[in-house]
Amino acid sequence: MAPTIKKGDLVLADKARADLIANGLYMVEHMRQRTVVRLILEPDGTVTRILDNVDRPNPEMSRERIEPYIIGTVFWIGGER
């Protein structure tokens, strides 16, 4: 997620807000690995994962595919700037 999140940054996520209700940063867990993803809700109901790496395409997926993995909404990122 660089440059949004740099190596060594601390990320806080609200586990009480694990529903995909708005565009933003979400903490997801898949196969015991946690990561932060930027998700955009499209008007047709699909979800686009926006990558900070402009050399890679932004994958689209169904809402049903991503929602089970969301464990919280990111609300704070801190580290050396």
N, C-alpha and C. Protein backbone atom coordinates (compact mmCIF):
# COMPACT_ATOMS: atom_id res chain seq x y z
N MET A 1 0.81 -1.21 0.00
CA MET A 1 0.00 0.00 0.00
C MET A 1 0.85 1.27 0.00
N ALA A 2 2.15 1.12 -0.18
CA ALA A 2 2.99 2.33 -0.25
C ALA A 2 2.59 3.13 -1.48
N PRO A 3 2.48 4.41 -1.39
CA PRO A 3 2.95 5.29 -0.34
C PRO A 3 1.94 5.57 0.77
N THR A 4 0.72 5.06 0.68
CA THR A 4 -0.28 5.32 1.72
C THR A 4 0.17 4.75 3.05
N ILE A 5 0.63 3.51 3.04
CA ILE A 5 1.14 2.85 4.24
C ILE A 5 2.56 2.41 3.93
N LYS A 6 3.48 2.86 4.77
CA LYS A 6 4.89 2.52 4.56
C LYS A 6 5.30 1.40 5.51
N LYS A 7 6.39 0.72 5.17
CA LYS A 7 6.92 -0.33 6.02
C LYS A 7 7.18 0.22 7.41
N GLY A 8 6.68 -0.47 8.43
CA GLY A 8 6.86 -0.04 9.81
C GLY A 8 5.73 0.82 10.35
N ASP A 9 4.81 1.26 9.50
CA ASP A 9 3.67 2.06 9.97
C ASP A 9 2.75 1.21 10.84
N LEU A 10 2.08 1.86 11.76
CA LEU A 10 1.08 1.23 12.61
C LEU A 10 -0.28 1.55 12.02
N VAL A 11 -1.13 0.55 11.90
CA VAL A 11 -2.47 0.73 11.33
C VAL A 11 -3.50 0.29 12.37
N LEU A 12 -4.49 1.14 12.63
CA LEU A 12 -5.57 0.79 13.55
C LEU A 12 -6.86 0.64 12.75
N ALA A 13 -7.58 -0.44 13.04
CA ALA A 13 -8.85 -0.71 12.35
C ALA A 13 -9.93 -0.95 13.40
N ASP A 14 -11.12 -0.46 13.13
CA ASP A 14 -12.27 -0.62 14.01
C ASP A 14 -13.00 -1.90 13.63
N LYS A 15 -12.88 -2.94 14.46
CA LYS A 15 -13.51 -4.22 14.16
C LYS A 15 -15.03 -4.16 14.29
N ALA A 16 -15.55 -3.13 14.96
CA ALA A 16 -17.00 -2.97 15.07
C ALA A 16 -17.59 -2.44 13.76
N ARG A 17 -16.73 -1.93 12.89
CA ARG A 17 -17.18 -1.40 11.59
C ARG A 17 -16.60 -2.27 10.48
N ALA A 18 -17.08 -3.50 10.39
CA ALA A 18 -16.55 -4.45 9.41
C ALA A 18 -17.45 -4.60 8.19
N ASP A 19 -18.48 -3.76 8.08
CA ASP A 19 -19.36 -3.82 6.92
C ASP A 19 -18.84 -2.91 5.82
N LEU A 20 -18.97 -3.36 4.59
CA LEU A 20 -18.58 -2.57 3.43
C LEU A 20 -19.72 -1.62 3.10
N ILE A 21 -19.64 -0.39 3.63
CA ILE A 21 -20.73 0.55 3.43
C ILE A 21 -20.30 1.82 2.70
N ALA A 22 -19.00 2.01 2.54
CA ALA A 22 -18.51 3.22 1.88
C ALA A 22 -17.14 2.95 1.28
N ASN A 23 -16.72 3.82 0.38
CA ASN A 23 -15.38 3.73 -0.18
C ASN A 23 -14.37 4.00 0.93
N GLY A 24 -13.27 3.27 0.95
CA GLY A 24 -12.26 3.54 1.96
C GLY A 24 -11.28 2.41 2.13
N LEU A 25 -10.50 2.52 3.23
CA LEU A 25 -9.50 1.51 3.55
C LEU A 25 -10.09 0.51 4.53
N TYR A 26 -9.88 -0.76 4.23
CA TYR A 26 -10.41 -1.84 5.07
C TYR A 26 -9.30 -2.82 5.40
N MET A 27 -9.37 -3.39 6.61
CA MET A 27 -8.48 -4.48 7.00
C MET A 27 -9.19 -5.77 6.62
N VAL A 28 -8.48 -6.61 5.90
CA VAL A 28 -9.03 -7.91 5.51
C VAL A 28 -8.11 -9.02 6.00
N GLU A 29 -8.69 -10.19 6.23
CA GLU A 29 -7.91 -11.35 6.64
C GLU A 29 -8.25 -12.50 5.72
N HIS A 30 -7.21 -13.10 5.15
CA HIS A 30 -7.38 -14.24 4.25
C HIS A 30 -6.23 -15.21 4.51
N MET A 31 -6.59 -16.44 4.82
CA MET A 31 -5.60 -17.48 5.11
C MET A 31 -4.65 -17.04 6.22
N ARG A 32 -5.21 -16.47 7.29
CA ARG A 32 -4.48 -16.02 8.48
C ARG A 32 -3.51 -14.87 8.22
N GLN A 33 -3.65 -14.20 7.09
CA GLN A 33 -2.80 -13.06 6.78
C GLN A 33 -3.69 -11.82 6.70
N ARG A 34 -3.29 -10.78 7.41
CA ARG A 34 -4.05 -9.53 7.41
C ARG A 34 -3.35 -8.51 6.51
N THR A 35 -4.17 -7.76 5.79
CA THR A 35 -3.65 -6.72 4.92
C THR A 35 -4.68 -5.60 4.82
N VAL A 36 -4.23 -4.45 4.35
CA VAL A 36 -5.12 -3.31 4.16
C VAL A 36 -5.38 -3.14 2.67
N VAL A 37 -6.65 -2.95 2.32
CA VAL A 37 -7.02 -2.75 0.92
C VAL A 37 -7.90 -1.50 0.81
N ARG A 38 -7.78 -0.82 -0.32
CA ARG A 38 -8.65 0.32 -0.63
C ARG A 38 -9.76 -0.20 -1.53
N LEU A 39 -11.01 -0.08 -1.07
CA LEU A 39 -12.15 -0.60 -1.81
C LEU A 39 -13.08 0.53 -2.24
N ILE A 40 -13.55 0.44 -3.46
CA ILE A 40 -14.49 1.40 -4.03
C ILE A 40 -15.77 0.65 -4.41
N LEU A 41 -16.89 1.11 -3.90
CA LEU A 41 -18.19 0.54 -4.27
C LEU A 41 -18.65 1.17 -5.57
N GLU A 42 -18.85 0.36 -6.57
CA GLU A 42 -19.29 0.84 -7.87
C GLU A 42 -20.82 0.90 -7.92
N PRO A 43 -21.39 1.77 -8.78
CA PRO A 43 -22.85 1.90 -8.87
C PRO A 43 -23.57 0.59 -9.23
N ASP A 44 -22.88 -0.30 -9.96
CA ASP A 44 -23.52 -1.56 -10.36
C ASP A 44 -23.44 -2.64 -9.28
N GLY A 45 -22.87 -2.31 -8.11
CA GLY A 45 -22.80 -3.26 -7.02
C GLY A 45 -21.49 -4.00 -6.91
N THR A 46 -20.62 -3.88 -7.91
CA THR A 46 -19.32 -4.53 -7.82
C THR A 46 -18.39 -3.69 -6.94
N VAL A 47 -17.29 -4.29 -6.58
CA VAL A 47 -16.29 -3.63 -5.75
C VAL A 47 -14.98 -3.62 -6.52
N THR A 48 -14.32 -2.47 -6.55
CA THR A 48 -13.01 -2.36 -7.19
C THR A 48 -11.97 -2.18 -6.10
N ARG A 49 -10.92 -2.99 -6.16
CA ARG A 49 -9.80 -2.84 -5.24
C ARG A 49 -8.80 -1.91 -5.91
N ILE A 50 -8.58 -0.75 -5.32
CA ILE A 50 -7.68 0.25 -5.88
C ILE A 50 -6.27 0.00 -5.33
N LEU A 51 -5.34 -0.21 -6.23
CA LEU A 51 -3.96 -0.47 -5.86
C LEU A 51 -3.14 0.81 -5.95
N ASP A 52 -2.24 1.01 -4.98
CA ASP A 52 -1.34 2.16 -5.04
C ASP A 52 -0.31 1.99 -6.14
N ASN A 53 -0.05 0.75 -6.54
CA ASN A 53 0.90 0.45 -7.61
C ASN A 53 0.21 0.70 -8.95
N VAL A 54 0.57 1.78 -9.63
CA VAL A 54 -0.11 2.16 -10.87
C VAL A 54 0.24 1.25 -12.04
N ASP A 55 1.25 0.39 -11.87
CA ASP A 55 1.64 -0.52 -12.94
C ASP A 55 0.76 -1.78 -12.99
N ARG A 56 -0.11 -1.96 -12.02
CA ARG A 56 -0.97 -3.14 -11.99
C ARG A 56 -2.42 -2.70 -12.17
N PRO A 57 -3.24 -3.54 -12.79
CA PRO A 57 -4.66 -3.19 -12.96
C PRO A 57 -5.41 -3.27 -11.64
N ASN A 58 -6.48 -2.50 -11.53
CA ASN A 58 -7.34 -2.52 -10.35
C ASN A 58 -8.38 -3.62 -10.52
N PRO A 59 -8.27 -4.71 -9.76
CA PRO A 59 -9.21 -5.82 -9.94
C PRO A 59 -10.61 -5.50 -9.44
N GLU A 60 -11.61 -5.99 -10.18
CA GLU A 60 -13.00 -5.88 -9.75
C GLU A 60 -13.45 -7.23 -9.21
N MET A 61 -14.36 -7.20 -8.24
CA MET A 61 -14.89 -8.43 -7.66
C MET A 61 -16.31 -8.17 -7.18
N SER A 62 -17.03 -9.23 -6.90
CA SER A 62 -18.37 -9.06 -6.37
C SER A 62 -18.28 -8.70 -4.89
N ARG A 63 -19.28 -8.01 -4.44
CA ARG A 63 -19.36 -7.65 -3.02
C ARG A 63 -19.39 -8.89 -2.15
N GLU A 64 -20.09 -9.93 -2.61
CA GLU A 64 -20.21 -11.17 -1.85
C GLU A 64 -18.86 -11.87 -1.70
N ARG A 65 -17.98 -11.66 -2.65
CA ARG A 65 -16.67 -12.31 -2.59
C ARG A 65 -15.76 -11.68 -1.54
N ILE A 66 -15.79 -10.36 -1.38
CA ILE A 66 -14.87 -9.67 -0.48
C ILE A 66 -15.40 -9.52 0.94
N GLU A 67 -16.71 -9.35 1.11
CA GLU A 67 -17.26 -9.04 2.43
C GLU A 67 -16.90 -10.04 3.53
N PRO A 68 -16.87 -11.35 3.28
CA PRO A 68 -16.53 -12.27 4.37
C PRO A 68 -15.13 -12.09 4.94
N TYR A 69 -14.25 -11.44 4.20
CA TYR A 69 -12.86 -11.28 4.63
C TYR A 69 -12.61 -9.95 5.34
N ILE A 70 -13.54 -9.02 5.29
CA ILE A 70 -13.36 -7.71 5.93
C ILE A 70 -13.48 -7.88 7.44
N ILE A 71 -12.45 -7.44 8.16
CA ILE A 71 -12.49 -7.55 9.63
C ILE A 71 -12.56 -6.18 10.30
N GLY A 72 -12.46 -5.10 9.54
CA GLY A 72 -12.57 -3.78 10.14
C GLY A 72 -12.28 -2.66 9.16
N THR A 73 -12.67 -1.45 9.57
CA THR A 73 -12.43 -0.24 8.79
C THR A 73 -11.21 0.47 9.36
N VAL A 74 -10.25 0.79 8.51
CA VAL A 74 -9.04 1.49 8.96
C VAL A 74 -9.42 2.94 9.30
N PHE A 75 -9.00 3.37 10.50
CA PHE A 75 -9.31 4.76 10.90
C PHE A 75 -8.07 5.55 11.27
N TRP A 76 -6.89 4.90 11.32
CA TRP A 76 -5.69 5.63 11.66
C TRP A 76 -4.47 4.91 11.12
N ILE A 77 -3.52 5.68 10.58
CA ILE A 77 -2.24 5.16 10.10
C ILE A 77 -1.17 6.09 10.65
N GLY A 78 -0.16 5.54 11.29
CA GLY A 78 0.89 6.37 11.85
C GLY A 78 2.26 5.77 11.67
N GLY A 79 3.23 6.64 11.61
CA GLY A 79 4.61 6.21 11.47
C GLY A 79 5.47 7.41 11.17
N GLU A 80 6.72 7.17 10.86
CA GLU A 80 7.61 8.27 10.50
C GLU A 80 7.23 8.81 9.15
N ARG A 81 7.13 10.11 9.05
CA ARG A 81 6.76 10.75 7.78
C ARG A 81 7.86 11.65 7.31
